[in-house]
Amino acid sequence: MDSKKPHTDPCLTTQQNVASNSCYEIGYDGIRNRIYFSILGFWKNTDSVPDFLKDWDRALQLVAPGFTLLIDMRSMITHPQQLNGIHEESQRRMQVAGLSRIANVMPIDRIASLQVTDSIKKIELPSQHFETCEAAQDWLDKTMV
């Protein structure tokens, strides 16, 4: 994948880019009050994502309480355990900012999918798993307050 070109999904057309690199993308749609987070491939360690929490802080400054999150993990490869801490910290920050529901587009990689399922159990928010961004987007749109 060309790291200079963003990995944008055609169903996510109204988002503004917050962060984009070879490991992840974070976008925000102010009309829907929604963050789009794409996990791309394999992250070797925290050095692979040095600005991860700073990027999340920038995204969370844009949202209003009650925001939704669409996570696209289709291309995610299983992450080392040492990365759990930064994922959990980003989840804590999202909850403080007022996250209301999560739509997860699950990894194709089976082990990564199990890893994600285990991580999601720790978040006490409404969430649903999907195979496509379109289905995830539709579910979040239907549940908008």
N, C-alpha and C. Protein backbone atom coordinates (compact mmCIF):
# COMPACT_ATOMS: atom_id res chain seq x y z
N MET A 1 0.84 -1.17 0.00
CA MET A 1 0.00 0.00 0.00
C MET A 1 0.89 1.23 0.00
N ASP A 2 0.53 2.21 -0.80
CA ASP A 2 1.27 3.46 -0.87
C ASP A 2 0.91 4.29 0.36
N SER A 3 1.88 4.50 1.25
CA SER A 3 1.60 5.21 2.50
C SER A 3 1.34 6.69 2.28
N LYS A 4 1.59 7.20 1.08
CA LYS A 4 1.34 8.62 0.80
C LYS A 4 -0.11 8.87 0.43
N LYS A 5 -0.82 7.82 0.05
CA LYS A 5 -2.22 7.96 -0.32
C LYS A 5 -3.10 7.42 0.79
N PRO A 6 -4.08 8.19 1.25
CA PRO A 6 -4.95 7.69 2.32
C PRO A 6 -5.79 6.51 1.86
N HIS A 7 -6.05 5.61 2.76
CA HIS A 7 -6.86 4.42 2.51
C HIS A 7 -8.31 4.78 2.83
N THR A 8 -8.95 5.54 1.96
CA THR A 8 -10.31 5.98 2.25
C THR A 8 -11.32 5.02 1.66
N ASP A 9 -12.32 4.73 2.43
CA ASP A 9 -13.40 3.85 2.01
C ASP A 9 -14.45 4.70 1.31
N PRO A 10 -14.96 4.27 0.17
CA PRO A 10 -15.94 5.09 -0.55
C PRO A 10 -17.21 5.37 0.24
N CYS A 11 -17.52 4.58 1.25
CA CYS A 11 -18.74 4.83 2.02
C CYS A 11 -18.51 5.89 3.10
N LEU A 12 -17.30 6.38 3.23
CA LEU A 12 -16.98 7.35 4.27
C LEU A 12 -16.61 8.69 3.65
N THR A 13 -17.48 9.23 2.82
CA THR A 13 -17.11 10.37 2.00
C THR A 13 -17.19 11.72 2.67
N THR A 14 -17.89 11.89 3.77
CA THR A 14 -18.05 13.21 4.36
C THR A 14 -17.07 13.47 5.50
N GLN A 15 -16.07 12.65 5.64
CA GLN A 15 -15.18 12.81 6.78
C GLN A 15 -14.02 13.75 6.48
N GLN A 16 -13.55 14.44 7.52
CA GLN A 16 -12.33 15.22 7.42
C GLN A 16 -11.22 14.39 8.03
N ASN A 17 -10.04 14.46 7.43
CA ASN A 17 -8.91 13.68 7.90
C ASN A 17 -8.33 14.29 9.17
N VAL A 18 -8.13 13.47 10.19
CA VAL A 18 -7.49 13.91 11.43
C VAL A 18 -6.05 13.40 11.46
N ALA A 19 -5.86 12.12 11.09
CA ALA A 19 -4.53 11.51 11.07
C ALA A 19 -4.51 10.41 10.03
N SER A 20 -3.38 10.28 9.36
CA SER A 20 -3.24 9.23 8.35
C SER A 20 -1.77 8.85 8.24
N ASN A 21 -1.50 7.57 8.41
CA ASN A 21 -0.14 7.06 8.25
C ASN A 21 -0.23 5.61 7.79
N SER A 22 0.88 4.91 7.78
CA SER A 22 0.87 3.54 7.27
C SER A 22 0.22 2.54 8.23
N CYS A 23 -0.06 2.95 9.47
CA CYS A 23 -0.64 2.04 10.46
C CYS A 23 -2.11 2.27 10.74
N TYR A 24 -2.57 3.52 10.61
CA TYR A 24 -3.97 3.82 10.91
C TYR A 24 -4.39 5.13 10.28
N GLU A 25 -5.70 5.30 10.23
CA GLU A 25 -6.30 6.56 9.80
C GLU A 25 -7.42 6.90 10.77
N ILE A 26 -7.53 8.18 11.07
CA ILE A 26 -8.62 8.68 11.91
C ILE A 26 -9.27 9.82 11.15
N GLY A 27 -10.59 9.71 10.97
CA GLY A 27 -11.35 10.77 10.32
C GLY A 27 -12.53 11.16 11.17
N TYR A 28 -13.10 12.33 10.87
CA TYR A 28 -14.25 12.81 11.64
C TYR A 28 -15.30 13.36 10.70
N ASP A 29 -16.54 13.01 10.96
CA ASP A 29 -17.69 13.53 10.22
C ASP A 29 -18.51 14.37 11.20
N GLY A 30 -18.46 15.69 11.03
CA GLY A 30 -19.15 16.59 11.93
C GLY A 30 -20.66 16.55 11.80
N ILE A 31 -21.16 16.19 10.62
CA ILE A 31 -22.61 16.09 10.42
C ILE A 31 -23.16 14.93 11.24
N ARG A 32 -22.45 13.81 11.22
CA ARG A 32 -22.90 12.62 11.97
C ARG A 32 -22.35 12.57 13.39
N ASN A 33 -21.40 13.47 13.72
CA ASN A 33 -20.72 13.42 15.01
C ASN A 33 -20.11 12.02 15.20
N ARG A 34 -19.30 11.64 14.20
CA ARG A 34 -18.77 10.27 14.16
C ARG A 34 -17.28 10.28 13.84
N ILE A 35 -16.55 9.42 14.54
CA ILE A 35 -15.15 9.19 14.23
C ILE A 35 -15.04 7.90 13.44
N TYR A 36 -14.19 7.93 12.42
CA TYR A 36 -13.87 6.75 11.61
C TYR A 36 -12.42 6.39 11.90
N PHE A 37 -12.20 5.16 12.31
CA PHE A 37 -10.86 4.70 12.66
C PHE A 37 -10.57 3.44 11.86
N SER A 38 -9.52 3.49 11.05
CA SER A 38 -9.09 2.33 10.26
C SER A 38 -7.75 1.85 10.78
N ILE A 39 -7.68 0.57 11.12
CA ILE A 39 -6.42 -0.05 11.53
C ILE A 39 -5.87 -0.75 10.30
N LEU A 40 -4.64 -0.40 9.93
CA LEU A 40 -4.04 -0.91 8.70
C LEU A 40 -2.89 -1.86 9.01
N GLY A 41 -3.06 -3.13 8.65
CA GLY A 41 -1.98 -4.09 8.74
C GLY A 41 -1.45 -4.39 10.12
N PHE A 42 -0.14 -4.60 10.18
CA PHE A 42 0.54 -5.05 11.40
C PHE A 42 1.27 -3.89 12.05
N TRP A 43 1.12 -3.77 13.36
CA TRP A 43 1.87 -2.79 14.15
C TRP A 43 2.88 -3.58 14.97
N LYS A 44 4.15 -3.37 14.71
CA LYS A 44 5.19 -4.14 15.38
C LYS A 44 5.25 -3.84 16.88
N ASN A 45 5.20 -2.56 17.23
CA ASN A 45 5.28 -2.14 18.64
C ASN A 45 4.82 -0.69 18.74
N THR A 46 4.92 -0.12 19.93
CA THR A 46 4.45 1.26 20.11
C THR A 46 5.29 2.26 19.31
N ASP A 47 6.52 1.90 18.99
CA ASP A 47 7.35 2.79 18.15
C ASP A 47 6.76 2.94 16.75
N SER A 48 5.95 1.98 16.33
CA SER A 48 5.30 2.05 15.01
C SER A 48 4.22 3.11 14.98
N VAL A 49 3.69 3.47 16.16
CA VAL A 49 2.57 4.42 16.25
C VAL A 49 2.85 5.47 17.33
N PRO A 50 3.94 6.24 17.16
CA PRO A 50 4.36 7.16 18.23
C PRO A 50 3.35 8.26 18.55
N ASP A 51 2.53 8.65 17.60
CA ASP A 51 1.58 9.75 17.81
C ASP A 51 0.15 9.27 18.03
N PHE A 52 -0.03 7.98 18.27
CA PHE A 52 -1.36 7.39 18.36
C PHE A 52 -2.27 8.13 19.35
N LEU A 53 -1.84 8.29 20.58
CA LEU A 53 -2.70 8.93 21.58
C LEU A 53 -2.87 10.42 21.30
N LYS A 54 -1.83 11.07 20.80
CA LYS A 54 -1.96 12.50 20.43
C LYS A 54 -2.97 12.66 19.31
N ASP A 55 -2.94 11.75 18.35
CA ASP A 55 -3.90 11.81 17.24
C ASP A 55 -5.32 11.60 17.75
N TRP A 56 -5.49 10.68 18.69
CA TRP A 56 -6.82 10.48 19.28
C TRP A 56 -7.28 11.71 20.04
N ASP A 57 -6.37 12.34 20.75
CA ASP A 57 -6.74 13.58 21.46
C ASP A 57 -7.21 14.64 20.48
N ARG A 58 -6.54 14.76 19.35
CA ARG A 58 -6.96 15.74 18.32
C ARG A 58 -8.35 15.41 17.80
N ALA A 59 -8.61 14.13 17.56
CA ALA A 59 -9.93 13.72 17.06
C ALA A 59 -11.01 13.99 18.10
N LEU A 60 -10.71 13.70 19.34
CA LEU A 60 -11.71 13.83 20.40
C LEU A 60 -12.03 15.29 20.71
N GLN A 61 -11.18 16.20 20.31
CA GLN A 61 -11.48 17.63 20.47
C GLN A 61 -12.58 18.07 19.50
N LEU A 62 -12.82 17.29 18.47
CA LEU A 62 -13.81 17.64 17.45
C LEU A 62 -15.22 17.16 17.78
N VAL A 63 -15.33 16.14 18.61
CA VAL A 63 -16.62 15.50 18.85
C VAL A 63 -17.46 16.21 19.90
N ALA A 64 -18.75 15.92 19.87
CA ALA A 64 -19.67 16.32 20.93
C ALA A 64 -20.06 15.05 21.69
N PRO A 65 -20.44 15.16 22.97
CA PRO A 65 -20.88 13.96 23.69
C PRO A 65 -21.99 13.25 22.92
N GLY A 66 -21.95 11.92 22.98
CA GLY A 66 -22.91 11.12 22.23
C GLY A 66 -22.38 10.69 20.87
N PHE A 67 -21.11 10.99 20.58
CA PHE A 67 -20.55 10.63 19.27
C PHE A 67 -20.48 9.12 19.09
N THR A 68 -20.40 8.71 17.84
CA THR A 68 -20.31 7.29 17.50
C THR A 68 -18.95 7.02 16.85
N LEU A 69 -18.61 5.75 16.79
CA LEU A 69 -17.31 5.32 16.28
C LEU A 69 -17.50 4.16 15.32
N LEU A 70 -16.93 4.29 14.13
CA LEU A 70 -16.90 3.19 13.17
C LEU A 70 -15.44 2.78 13.02
N ILE A 71 -15.15 1.54 13.39
CA ILE A 71 -13.78 1.03 13.32
C ILE A 71 -13.69 0.02 12.18
N ASP A 72 -12.82 0.30 11.21
CA ASP A 72 -12.60 -0.59 10.08
C ASP A 72 -11.30 -1.36 10.33
N MET A 73 -11.44 -2.64 10.65
CA MET A 73 -10.28 -3.47 10.98
C MET A 73 -10.05 -4.57 9.95
N ARG A 74 -10.65 -4.44 8.77
CA ARG A 74 -10.56 -5.52 7.79
C ARG A 74 -9.13 -5.91 7.47
N SER A 75 -8.22 -4.95 7.39
CA SER A 75 -6.84 -5.28 7.01
C SER A 75 -5.91 -5.45 8.21
N MET A 76 -6.47 -5.42 9.41
CA MET A 76 -5.66 -5.57 10.62
C MET A 76 -5.08 -6.98 10.72
N ILE A 77 -3.80 -7.03 11.11
CA ILE A 77 -3.14 -8.29 11.43
C ILE A 77 -2.96 -8.29 12.95
N THR A 78 -2.96 -9.45 13.57
CA THR A 78 -2.85 -9.57 15.02
C THR A 78 -1.75 -8.65 15.57
N HIS A 79 -2.09 -7.90 16.61
CA HIS A 79 -1.15 -6.98 17.24
C HIS A 79 -0.48 -7.63 18.44
N PRO A 80 0.80 -7.30 18.68
CA PRO A 80 1.47 -7.81 19.88
C PRO A 80 0.77 -7.32 21.15
N GLN A 81 0.84 -8.11 22.20
CA GLN A 81 0.20 -7.79 23.48
C GLN A 81 0.64 -6.44 24.03
N GLN A 82 1.89 -6.04 23.76
CA GLN A 82 2.39 -4.78 24.31
C GLN A 82 1.62 -3.56 23.80
N LEU A 83 0.83 -3.73 22.75
CA LEU A 83 0.03 -2.63 22.22
C LEU A 83 -1.32 -2.50 22.91
N ASN A 84 -1.69 -3.47 23.73
CA ASN A 84 -2.98 -3.41 24.42
C ASN A 84 -3.13 -2.14 25.24
N GLY A 85 -2.06 -1.71 25.87
CA GLY A 85 -2.12 -0.54 26.74
C GLY A 85 -2.55 0.73 26.02
N ILE A 86 -2.01 0.96 24.82
CA ILE A 86 -2.40 2.19 24.11
C ILE A 86 -3.82 2.09 23.57
N HIS A 87 -4.24 0.89 23.18
CA HIS A 87 -5.63 0.72 22.74
C HIS A 87 -6.59 0.98 23.91
N GLU A 88 -6.27 0.42 25.07
CA GLU A 88 -7.12 0.61 26.24
C GLU A 88 -7.16 2.07 26.67
N GLU A 89 -6.03 2.76 26.59
CA GLU A 89 -6.00 4.18 26.96
C GLU A 89 -6.84 5.00 25.98
N SER A 90 -6.75 4.70 24.69
CA SER A 90 -7.58 5.45 23.72
C SER A 90 -9.06 5.19 23.99
N GLN A 91 -9.41 3.97 24.37
CA GLN A 91 -10.80 3.65 24.70
C GLN A 91 -11.27 4.43 25.93
N ARG A 92 -10.41 4.54 26.93
CA ARG A 92 -10.77 5.33 28.13
C ARG A 92 -11.03 6.78 27.74
N ARG A 93 -10.18 7.33 26.90
CA ARG A 93 -10.33 8.72 26.48
C ARG A 93 -11.62 8.92 25.69
N MET A 94 -11.96 7.94 24.86
CA MET A 94 -13.21 8.03 24.09
C MET A 94 -14.42 8.01 25.03
N GLN A 95 -14.38 7.16 26.03
CA GLN A 95 -15.51 7.09 26.97
C GLN A 95 -15.67 8.40 27.72
N VAL A 96 -14.57 9.00 28.15
CA VAL A 96 -14.62 10.29 28.85
C VAL A 96 -15.21 11.37 27.94
N ALA A 97 -14.90 11.29 26.64
CA ALA A 97 -15.39 12.29 25.67
C ALA A 97 -16.86 12.08 25.31
N GLY A 98 -17.45 10.95 25.73
CA GLY A 98 -18.88 10.75 25.50
C GLY A 98 -19.25 9.79 24.39
N LEU A 99 -18.40 8.81 24.11
CA LEU A 99 -18.70 7.80 23.09
C LEU A 99 -19.99 7.07 23.44
N SER A 100 -20.89 6.94 22.44
CA SER A 100 -22.18 6.30 22.73
C SER A 100 -22.33 4.91 22.13
N ARG A 101 -21.80 4.66 20.94
CA ARG A 101 -21.88 3.33 20.33
C ARG A 101 -20.75 3.12 19.33
N ILE A 102 -20.47 1.83 19.11
CA ILE A 102 -19.35 1.44 18.26
C ILE A 102 -19.82 0.42 17.23
N ALA A 103 -19.44 0.65 15.99
CA ALA A 103 -19.66 -0.33 14.92
C ALA A 103 -18.29 -0.85 14.50
N ASN A 104 -18.09 -2.13 14.62
CA ASN A 104 -16.81 -2.76 14.31
C ASN A 104 -16.89 -3.54 13.01
N VAL A 105 -16.08 -3.14 12.03
CA VAL A 105 -15.94 -3.93 10.80
C VAL A 105 -14.75 -4.83 11.07
N MET A 106 -15.04 -6.11 11.25
CA MET A 106 -14.08 -7.04 11.82
C MET A 106 -12.94 -7.43 10.88
N PRO A 107 -11.79 -7.80 11.49
CA PRO A 107 -10.64 -8.22 10.70
C PRO A 107 -10.93 -9.50 9.92
N ILE A 108 -10.32 -9.61 8.78
CA ILE A 108 -10.40 -10.84 7.99
C ILE A 108 -9.54 -11.91 8.66
N ASP A 109 -8.40 -11.51 9.22
CA ASP A 109 -7.50 -12.41 9.93
C ASP A 109 -8.21 -12.97 11.16
N ARG A 110 -8.32 -14.28 11.25
CA ARG A 110 -9.10 -14.93 12.31
C ARG A 110 -8.54 -14.65 13.71
N ILE A 111 -7.24 -14.72 13.87
CA ILE A 111 -6.65 -14.47 15.19
C ILE A 111 -6.86 -13.01 15.59
N ALA A 112 -6.69 -12.11 14.65
CA ALA A 112 -6.94 -10.69 14.93
C ALA A 112 -8.40 -10.47 15.34
N SER A 113 -9.30 -11.19 14.68
CA SER A 113 -10.72 -11.07 15.01
C SER A 113 -10.99 -11.52 16.45
N LEU A 114 -10.37 -12.61 16.87
CA LEU A 114 -10.51 -13.08 18.25
C LEU A 114 -9.93 -12.06 19.23
N GLN A 115 -8.79 -11.49 18.86
CA GLN A 115 -8.14 -10.49 19.70
C GLN A 115 -9.05 -9.27 19.88
N VAL A 116 -9.65 -8.82 18.80
CA VAL A 116 -10.55 -7.66 18.83
C VAL A 116 -11.78 -7.97 19.68
N THR A 117 -12.36 -9.14 19.49
CA THR A 117 -13.55 -9.52 20.25
C THR A 117 -13.26 -9.49 21.75
N ASP A 118 -12.09 -9.98 22.14
CA ASP A 118 -11.70 -9.98 23.54
C ASP A 118 -11.55 -8.56 24.07
N SER A 119 -10.96 -7.70 23.29
CA SER A 119 -10.75 -6.30 23.68
C SER A 119 -12.07 -5.55 23.81
N ILE A 120 -13.00 -5.81 22.91
CA ILE A 120 -14.28 -5.10 22.89
C ILE A 120 -15.13 -5.47 24.11
N LYS A 121 -14.96 -6.69 24.61
CA LYS A 121 -15.72 -7.11 25.79
C LYS A 121 -15.46 -6.19 26.99
N LYS A 122 -14.30 -5.55 27.01
CA LYS A 122 -13.93 -4.68 28.13
C LYS A 122 -14.64 -3.33 28.07
N ILE A 123 -15.17 -2.97 26.92
CA ILE A 123 -15.85 -1.69 26.76
C ILE A 123 -17.33 -1.90 27.03
N GLU A 124 -17.85 -1.18 27.97
CA GLU A 124 -19.25 -1.36 28.35
C GLU A 124 -20.13 -0.36 27.61
N LEU A 125 -20.15 -0.48 26.29
CA LEU A 125 -20.96 0.38 25.43
C LEU A 125 -21.64 -0.47 24.38
N PRO A 126 -22.76 0.00 23.85
CA PRO A 126 -23.39 -0.75 22.75
C PRO A 126 -22.43 -0.84 21.56
N SER A 127 -22.24 -2.05 21.08
CA SER A 127 -21.41 -2.24 19.90
C SER A 127 -21.96 -3.40 19.09
N GLN A 128 -21.60 -3.40 17.83
CA GLN A 128 -22.08 -4.42 16.90
C GLN A 128 -20.95 -4.73 15.92
N HIS A 129 -20.89 -5.98 15.47
CA HIS A 129 -19.87 -6.39 14.50
C HIS A 129 -20.49 -6.47 13.11
N PHE A 130 -19.70 -6.07 12.10
CA PHE A 130 -20.17 -6.06 10.71
C PHE A 130 -19.07 -6.56 9.79
N GLU A 131 -19.48 -6.95 8.58
CA GLU A 131 -18.52 -7.37 7.57
C GLU A 131 -18.17 -6.25 6.61
N THR A 132 -19.02 -5.21 6.53
CA THR A 132 -18.76 -4.11 5.61
C THR A 132 -18.93 -2.76 6.31
N CYS A 133 -18.26 -1.75 5.77
CA CYS A 133 -18.41 -0.38 6.29
C CYS A 133 -19.82 0.13 6.03
N GLU A 134 -20.39 -0.25 4.90
CA GLU A 134 -21.75 0.21 4.58
C GLU A 134 -22.75 -0.27 5.63
N ALA A 135 -22.67 -1.54 6.01
CA ALA A 135 -23.59 -2.08 7.01
C ALA A 135 -23.36 -1.41 8.37
N ALA A 136 -22.10 -1.19 8.71
CA ALA A 136 -21.78 -0.52 9.98
C ALA A 136 -22.31 0.91 9.98
N GLN A 137 -22.10 1.60 8.88
CA GLN A 137 -22.58 2.99 8.74
C GLN A 137 -24.11 3.04 8.86
N ASP A 138 -24.79 2.13 8.18
CA ASP A 138 -26.26 2.09 8.24
C ASP A 138 -26.75 1.88 9.67
N TRP A 139 -26.12 0.96 10.39
CA TRP A 139 -26.53 0.69 11.77
C TRP A 139 -26.34 1.92 12.64
N LEU A 140 -25.20 2.57 12.51
CA LEU A 140 -24.96 3.78 13.31
C LEU A 140 -25.93 4.89 12.93
N ASP A 141 -26.20 5.03 11.63
CA ASP A 141 -27.14 6.08 11.19
C ASP A 141 -28.54 5.84 11.75
N LYS A 142 -28.96 4.57 11.79
CA LYS A 142 -30.30 4.25 12.30
C LYS A 142 -30.41 4.45 13.80
N THR A 143 -29.28 4.41 14.49
CA THR A 143 -29.32 4.56 15.95
C THR A 143 -28.98 5.97 16.39
N MET A 144 -28.83 6.89 15.43
CA MET A 144 -28.53 8.29 15.80
C MET A 144 -29.70 8.88 16.55
N VAL A 145 -29.40 9.61 17.58
CA VAL A 145 -30.45 10.22 18.41
C VAL A 145 -30.80 11.59 17.87
